[in-house]
């Protein structure tokens, strides 16, 4: 966040100098106003990015779990030589 603030400071500094006529108090107020706008924006962007990453992680983990279940099902079908339709089916002991 500090890097973004400094970048904005460098971009806006010439404009602020013209508007404030190099008065330090006005320059400080303008920079404080920019920082006051930047903090809530940073919080919202951070929450949005975290939500997107969590959603993506859930999808990846769900896909991996489904793949693992398919592999397990194939392995069990080979072992017991009958299709598995659910947990209620009787399992033949080999």
C-alpha atoms as a PDB file:
ATOM      1  CA  UNK A   1       0.000   0.000   0.000  1.00  0.00           C
ATOM      2  CA  UNK A   2       2.890   2.332   0.755  1.00  0.00           C
ATOM      3  CA  UNK A   3       4.326   1.821  -2.725  1.00  0.00           C
ATOM      4  CA  UNK A   4       0.981   2.739  -4.306  1.00  0.00           C
ATOM      5  CA  UNK A   5       0.768   5.850  -2.133  1.00  0.00           C
ATOM      6  CA  UNK A   6       4.288   6.914  -3.076  1.00  0.00           C
ATOM      7  CA  UNK A   7       3.557   6.299  -6.763  1.00  0.00           C
ATOM      8  CA  UNK A   8       0.432   8.460  -6.547  1.00  0.00           C
ATOM      9  CA  UNK A   9       2.439  11.077  -4.670  1.00  0.00           C
ATOM     10  CA  UNK A  10       4.998  11.205  -7.478  1.00  0.00           C
ATOM     11  CA  UNK A  11       2.279  11.442 -10.127  1.00  0.00           C
ATOM     12  CA  UNK A  12       0.218  14.091  -8.344  1.00  0.00           C
ATOM     13  CA  UNK A  13       3.055  16.156  -6.865  1.00  0.00           C
ATOM     14  CA  UNK A  14       3.392  18.617  -9.798  1.00  0.00           C
ATOM     15  CA  UNK A  15      -0.371  19.146  -9.840  1.00  0.00           C
ATOM     16  CA  UNK A  16      -0.488  19.638  -6.064  1.00  0.00           C
ATOM     17  CA  UNK A  17       2.376  22.136  -6.242  1.00  0.00           C
ATOM     18  CA  UNK A  18       0.450  24.269  -8.729  1.00  0.00           C
ATOM     19  CA  UNK A  19      -2.790  24.069  -6.751  1.00  0.00           C
ATOM     20  CA  UNK A  20      -1.297  24.661  -3.279  1.00  0.00           C
ATOM     21  CA  UNK A  21       1.487  27.098  -4.355  1.00  0.00           C
ATOM     22  CA  UNK A  22       4.039  25.030  -2.376  1.00  0.00           C
ATOM     23  CA  UNK A  23       2.292  25.572   0.970  1.00  0.00           C
ATOM     24  CA  UNK A  24       3.363  22.646   3.171  1.00  0.00           C
ATOM     25  CA  UNK A  25       0.136  22.571   5.191  1.00  0.00           C
ATOM     26  CA  UNK A  26      -2.040  22.302   2.080  1.00  0.00           C
ATOM     27  CA  UNK A  27       0.293  19.712   0.540  1.00  0.00           C
ATOM     28  CA  UNK A  28       0.062  17.682   3.750  1.00  0.00           C
ATOM     29  CA  UNK A  29      -3.739  17.939   3.797  1.00  0.00           C
ATOM     30  CA  UNK A  30      -3.955  16.819   0.186  1.00  0.00           C
ATOM     31  CA  UNK A  31      -1.694  13.822   0.820  1.00  0.00           C
ATOM     32  CA  UNK A  32      -3.629  12.897   3.962  1.00  0.00           C
ATOM     33  CA  UNK A  33      -6.848  13.014   1.913  1.00  0.00           C
ATOM     34  CA  UNK A  34      -5.305  10.701  -0.687  1.00  0.00           C
ATOM     35  CA  UNK A  35      -4.182   8.307   2.048  1.00  0.00           C
ATOM     36  CA  UNK A  36      -7.652   8.426   3.626  1.00  0.00           C
ATOM     37  CA  UNK A  37      -9.157   7.333   0.306  1.00  0.00           C
ATOM     38  CA  UNK A  38      -6.480   4.735  -0.338  1.00  0.00           C
ATOM     39  CA  UNK A  39      -6.873   2.809   2.961  1.00  0.00           C
ATOM     40  CA  UNK A  40     -10.522   1.714   2.489  1.00  0.00           C
ATOM     41  CA  UNK A  41      -9.860   0.981  -1.180  1.00  0.00           C
ATOM     42  CA  UNK A  42      -6.956  -1.262  -0.174  1.00  0.00           C
ATOM     43  CA  UNK A  43      -9.182  -3.085   2.312  1.00  0.00           C
ATOM     44  CA  UNK A  44     -11.890  -3.719  -0.297  1.00  0.00           C
ATOM     45  CA  UNK A  45      -9.405  -4.940  -2.905  1.00  0.00           C
ATOM     46  CA  UNK A  46      -7.770  -7.229  -0.355  1.00  0.00           C
ATOM     47  CA  UNK A  47     -11.120  -8.766   0.646  1.00  0.00           C
ATOM     48  CA  UNK A  48     -12.093  -9.236  -3.023  1.00  0.00           C
ATOM     49  CA  UNK A  49      -8.763 -10.891  -3.897  1.00  0.00           C
ATOM     50  CA  UNK A  50      -8.935 -13.169  -0.848  1.00  0.00           C
ATOM     51  CA  UNK A  51     -12.469 -14.253  -1.738  1.00  0.00           C
ATOM     52  CA  UNK A  52     -11.422 -15.031  -5.330  1.00  0.00           C
ATOM     53  CA  UNK A  53      -8.406 -17.056  -4.186  1.00  0.00           C
ATOM     54  CA  UNK A  54     -10.469 -19.022  -1.653  1.00  0.00           C
ATOM     55  CA  UNK A  55     -13.095 -19.772  -4.311  1.00  0.00           C
ATOM     56  CA  UNK A  56     -10.428 -20.965  -6.731  1.00  0.00           C
ATOM     57  CA  UNK A  57      -8.821 -23.110  -4.030  1.00  0.00           C
ATOM     58  CA  UNK A  58     -12.167 -24.735  -3.212  1.00  0.00           C
ATOM     59  CA  UNK A  59     -12.718 -25.610  -6.877  1.00  0.00           C
ATOM     60  CA  UNK A  60      -9.251 -27.145  -7.160  1.00  0.00           C
ATOM     61  CA  UNK A  61      -9.677 -29.183  -3.972  1.00  0.00           C
ATOM     62  CA  UNK A  62     -13.143 -30.371  -5.031  1.00  0.00           C
ATOM     63  CA  UNK A  63     -11.810 -31.496  -8.413  1.00  0.00           C
ATOM     64  CA  UNK A  64      -8.956 -33.365  -6.706  1.00  0.00           C
ATOM     65  CA  UNK A  65     -11.379 -35.067  -4.294  1.00  0.00           C
ATOM     66  CA  UNK A  66     -13.645 -36.136  -7.170  1.00  0.00           C
ATOM     67  CA  UNK A  67     -10.670 -37.549  -9.043  1.00  0.00           C
ATOM     68  CA  UNK A  68      -9.551 -39.440  -5.947  1.00  0.00           C
ATOM     69  CA  UNK A  69     -13.061 -40.912  -5.512  1.00  0.00           C
ATOM     70  CA  UNK A  70     -13.174 -41.992  -9.164  1.00  0.00           C
ATOM     71  CA  UNK A  71      -9.800 -43.704  -8.786  1.00  0.00           C
ATOM     72  CA  UNK A  72     -10.930 -45.389  -5.573  1.00  0.00           C
ATOM     73  CA  UNK A  73     -14.142 -46.566  -7.239  1.00  0.00           C
ATOM     74  CA  UNK A  74     -12.213 -48.046 -10.190  1.00  0.00           C
ATOM     75  CA  UNK A  75      -9.855 -49.813  -7.804  1.00  0.00           C
ATOM     76  CA  UNK A  76     -12.734 -51.263  -5.777  1.00  0.00           C
ATOM     77  CA  UNK A  77     -14.505 -52.443  -8.935  1.00  0.00           C
ATOM     78  CA  UNK A  78     -11.361 -54.343  -9.934  1.00  0.00           C
ATOM     79  CA  UNK A  79     -11.002 -55.886  -6.480  1.00  0.00           C
ATOM     80  CA  UNK A  80     -14.609 -56.987  -6.019  1.00  0.00           C
ATOM     81  CA  UNK A  81     -15.442 -57.566  -9.693  1.00  0.00           C
ATOM     82  CA  UNK A  82     -18.848 -55.900  -9.409  1.00  0.00           C
ATOM     83  CA  UNK A  83     -20.047 -52.340  -9.857  1.00  0.00           C
ATOM     84  CA  UNK A  84     -20.322 -50.241  -6.732  1.00  0.00           C
ATOM     85  CA  UNK A  85     -23.603 -48.355  -6.713  1.00  0.00           C
ATOM     86  CA  UNK A  86     -23.440 -46.982  -3.208  1.00  0.00           C
ATOM     87  CA  UNK A  87     -22.542 -47.799   0.346  1.00  0.00           C
ATOM     88  CA  UNK A  88     -25.652 -49.927   0.870  1.00  0.00           C
ATOM     89  CA  UNK A  89     -24.599 -52.644  -1.617  1.00  0.00           C
ATOM     90  CA  UNK A  90     -23.283 -55.877  -0.181  1.00  0.00           C
ATOM     91  CA  UNK A  91     -19.573 -56.337  -0.635  1.00  0.00           C
ATOM     92  CA  UNK A  92     -18.280 -59.775  -1.535  1.00  0.00           C
ATOM     93  CA  UNK A  93     -15.286 -60.891   0.508  1.00  0.00           C
ATOM     94  CA  UNK A  94     -12.456 -62.151  -1.656  1.00  0.00           C
END
